[in-house]
């Protein structure tokens, strides 16, 4: 059973990881760093698995939903008038790709279908981990999304710079 001291250690590990990650300048650094910090402590096996007090998960889900919701401004709604077609195409393509990749990983790699489908789903780590937790596979889904998120955050900015430089070179040449 988790003790208040164990929960405090997890919180401090998450806080430390989040603050360290902020120094990297990568997008979503606090989230990725906190996840890694708490996960590293958890993976040592020296502490019991964190069991949070009743209502904590609900409060955190409300907080995450509120943070996401505040980003949906009138400006975003105005932009959606122009972006609704690409938004639909991108969403359908990502969901379809996620389903195919998830089913392939399940079948070819022997991964639990629920973990594979939710792990390959196009969503943020916090949201998909919460959905995974509803199915009893939150930790595995969080792991898959953490690897994806960290890889994307490290690789994509470099790739975008390279592609933009390459296409700018061809456009002027």
Protein backbone atom coordinates (compact mmCIF):
# COMPACT_ATOMS: atom_id res chain seq x y z
CA UNK A 1 0.00 0.00 0.00
CA UNK A 2 1.30 3.46 -0.89
CA UNK A 3 2.16 5.66 2.01
CA UNK A 4 2.02 9.46 1.97
CA UNK A 5 5.84 9.43 1.95
CA UNK A 6 5.88 7.26 -1.22
CA UNK A 7 3.46 9.63 -2.93
CA UNK A 8 5.62 12.57 -1.90
CA UNK A 9 8.70 10.85 -3.38
CA UNK A 10 6.82 10.27 -6.65
CA UNK A 11 5.67 13.91 -6.69
CA UNK A 12 9.19 15.15 -6.05
CA UNK A 13 10.57 12.88 -8.78
CA UNK A 14 7.96 14.21 -11.20
CA UNK A 15 8.66 17.79 -10.18
CA UNK A 16 12.40 17.30 -10.52
CA UNK A 17 12.04 15.63 -13.90
CA UNK A 18 9.68 18.34 -15.13
CA UNK A 19 11.98 21.14 -13.98
CA UNK A 20 15.05 19.49 -15.51
CA UNK A 21 13.22 18.94 -18.79
CA UNK A 22 12.24 22.62 -18.89
CA UNK A 23 15.92 23.42 -19.30
CA UNK A 24 16.02 21.42 -22.56
CA UNK A 25 13.63 23.69 -24.41
CA UNK A 26 11.75 20.77 -25.99
CA UNK A 27 7.98 21.20 -26.42
CA UNK A 28 5.88 19.68 -23.62
CA UNK A 29 9.05 19.40 -21.54
CA UNK A 30 7.35 19.58 -18.13
CA UNK A 31 4.97 16.75 -19.02
CA UNK A 32 7.64 14.52 -20.54
CA UNK A 33 10.13 15.27 -17.75
CA UNK A 34 7.63 14.65 -14.96
CA UNK A 35 6.60 11.40 -16.60
CA UNK A 36 10.19 10.25 -16.88
CA UNK A 37 11.07 11.34 -13.35
CA UNK A 38 8.17 9.51 -11.74
CA UNK A 39 8.62 6.51 -14.04
CA UNK A 40 12.29 6.15 -13.16
CA UNK A 41 11.44 6.07 -9.46
CA UNK A 42 8.63 3.61 -10.11
CA UNK A 43 10.82 1.34 -12.25
CA UNK A 44 13.39 0.93 -9.49
CA UNK A 45 10.86 -1.27 -7.71
CA UNK A 46 11.92 0.16 -4.36
CA UNK A 47 8.59 1.86 -3.75
CA UNK A 48 5.11 0.43 -3.84
CA UNK A 49 3.06 1.33 -6.88
CA UNK A 50 1.44 4.69 -6.27
CA UNK A 51 -2.15 4.46 -5.14
CA UNK A 52 -3.55 7.95 -5.14
CA UNK A 53 -6.24 9.10 -2.72
CA UNK A 54 -9.84 8.84 -3.89
CA UNK A 55 -10.80 11.70 -6.18
CA UNK A 56 -7.22 12.58 -7.12
CA UNK A 57 -7.50 11.09 -10.61
CA UNK A 58 -10.78 12.89 -11.23
CA UNK A 59 -9.29 16.20 -10.06
CA UNK A 60 -6.27 15.72 -12.33
CA UNK A 61 -8.48 14.80 -15.30
CA UNK A 62 -10.53 17.96 -14.70
CA UNK A 63 -7.30 19.96 -14.52
CA UNK A 64 -5.93 18.47 -17.75
CA UNK A 65 -9.27 19.04 -19.49
CA UNK A 66 -9.31 22.63 -18.29
CA UNK A 67 -5.77 23.28 -19.54
CA UNK A 68 -6.65 21.84 -22.94
CA UNK A 69 -9.99 23.68 -23.02
CA UNK A 70 -8.43 27.06 -22.35
CA UNK A 71 -6.42 26.65 -25.54
CA UNK A 72 -9.61 26.51 -27.59
CA UNK A 73 -10.10 30.26 -28.04
CA UNK A 74 -12.18 32.39 -30.37
CA UNK A 75 -9.06 32.70 -32.53
CA UNK A 76 -8.85 28.90 -32.76
CA UNK A 77 -12.51 28.80 -33.78
CA UNK A 78 -11.84 31.41 -36.48
CA UNK A 79 -8.88 29.38 -37.75
CA UNK A 80 -11.08 26.28 -37.78
CA UNK A 81 -13.22 27.91 -40.48
CA UNK A 82 -10.24 27.59 -42.79
CA UNK A 83 -8.75 24.42 -41.31
CA UNK A 84 -11.78 22.17 -40.93
CA UNK A 85 -11.12 20.22 -44.13
CA UNK A 86 -7.46 19.44 -43.33
CA UNK A 87 -8.50 18.73 -39.73
CA UNK A 88 -10.95 16.06 -40.90
CA UNK A 89 -8.48 14.54 -43.39
CA UNK A 90 -5.66 14.48 -40.84
CA UNK A 91 -7.89 13.05 -38.10
CA UNK A 92 -9.31 10.28 -40.29
CA UNK A 93 -5.84 9.42 -41.65
CA UNK A 94 -4.25 9.31 -38.19
CA UNK A 95 -7.06 7.26 -36.64
CA UNK A 96 -7.02 4.81 -39.55
CA UNK A 97 -3.22 4.56 -39.42
CA UNK A 98 -3.33 4.09 -35.65
CA UNK A 99 -5.84 1.28 -36.01
CA UNK A 100 -3.78 -0.47 -38.68
CA UNK A 101 -0.50 -0.06 -36.77
CA UNK A 102 -2.14 -1.13 -33.51
CA UNK A 103 -3.66 -4.25 -35.05
CA UNK A 104 -0.37 -5.13 -36.78
CA UNK A 105 1.58 -4.70 -33.52
CA UNK A 106 -0.95 -6.84 -31.72
CA UNK A 107 -0.90 -9.59 -34.29
CA UNK A 108 2.76 -9.58 -35.32
CA UNK A 109 4.38 -8.67 -32.01
CA UNK A 110 1.97 -10.42 -29.66
CA UNK A 111 0.98 -7.20 -27.92
CA UNK A 112 -2.31 -7.07 -26.04
CA UNK A 113 -4.86 -5.62 -28.53
CA UNK A 114 -6.09 -2.97 -26.09
CA UNK A 115 -2.55 -1.78 -25.37
CA UNK A 116 -1.66 -1.86 -29.06
CA UNK A 117 -4.73 0.04 -30.23
CA UNK A 118 -4.56 2.71 -27.52
CA UNK A 119 -0.77 2.92 -27.78
CA UNK A 120 -0.97 3.54 -31.52
CA UNK A 121 -3.87 5.97 -31.23
CA UNK A 122 -3.18 9.57 -32.25
CA UNK A 123 -3.58 11.35 -28.96
CA UNK A 124 -1.67 13.09 -26.27
CA UNK A 125 0.09 11.09 -23.60
CA UNK A 126 -2.09 12.35 -20.77
CA UNK A 127 -5.39 11.76 -22.51
CA UNK A 128 -4.50 8.36 -23.92
CA UNK A 129 -3.01 7.24 -20.60
CA UNK A 130 -6.25 8.17 -18.87
CA UNK A 131 -8.25 6.24 -21.46
CA UNK A 132 -5.85 3.31 -21.02
CA UNK A 133 -6.35 3.45 -17.27
CA UNK A 134 -10.10 3.04 -17.83
CA UNK A 135 -9.28 -0.24 -19.59
CA UNK A 136 -6.73 -1.26 -16.94
CA UNK A 137 -3.70 -0.76 -19.21
CA UNK A 138 -2.77 2.83 -18.40
CA UNK A 139 0.89 2.19 -17.60
CA UNK A 140 1.56 0.29 -20.83
CA UNK A 141 -0.24 2.90 -22.93
CA UNK A 142 1.65 5.68 -21.14
CA UNK A 143 4.93 3.89 -21.89
CA UNK A 144 4.18 3.60 -25.61
CA UNK A 145 3.07 7.23 -25.82
CA UNK A 146 6.05 8.41 -23.78
CA UNK A 147 8.47 6.73 -26.20
CA UNK A 148 6.55 8.18 -29.14
CA UNK A 149 6.33 11.66 -27.63
CA UNK A 150 9.97 11.87 -26.62
CA UNK A 151 11.09 10.55 -30.01
CA UNK A 152 8.86 12.98 -31.88
CA UNK A 153 9.95 15.91 -29.72
CA UNK A 154 13.61 15.12 -30.34
CA UNK A 155 13.46 14.11 -34.01
CA UNK A 156 10.70 16.21 -35.55
CA UNK A 157 12.13 19.71 -34.99
CA UNK A 158 15.40 18.64 -36.65
CA UNK A 159 13.50 16.97 -39.48
CA UNK A 160 11.27 20.00 -40.05
CA UNK A 161 14.30 22.32 -40.20
CA UNK A 162 16.00 19.98 -42.67
CA UNK A 163 12.92 19.63 -44.89
CA UNK A 164 12.26 23.38 -44.88
CA UNK A 165 15.90 24.15 -45.71
CA UNK A 166 15.86 21.50 -48.45
CA UNK A 167 12.63 22.76 -50.01
CA UNK A 168 13.76 26.40 -49.74
CA UNK A 169 16.99 25.46 -51.55
CA UNK A 170 15.02 23.85 -54.37
CA UNK A 171 12.50 26.70 -54.58
CA UNK A 172 15.25 29.31 -55.08
CA UNK A 173 17.45 27.08 -57.27
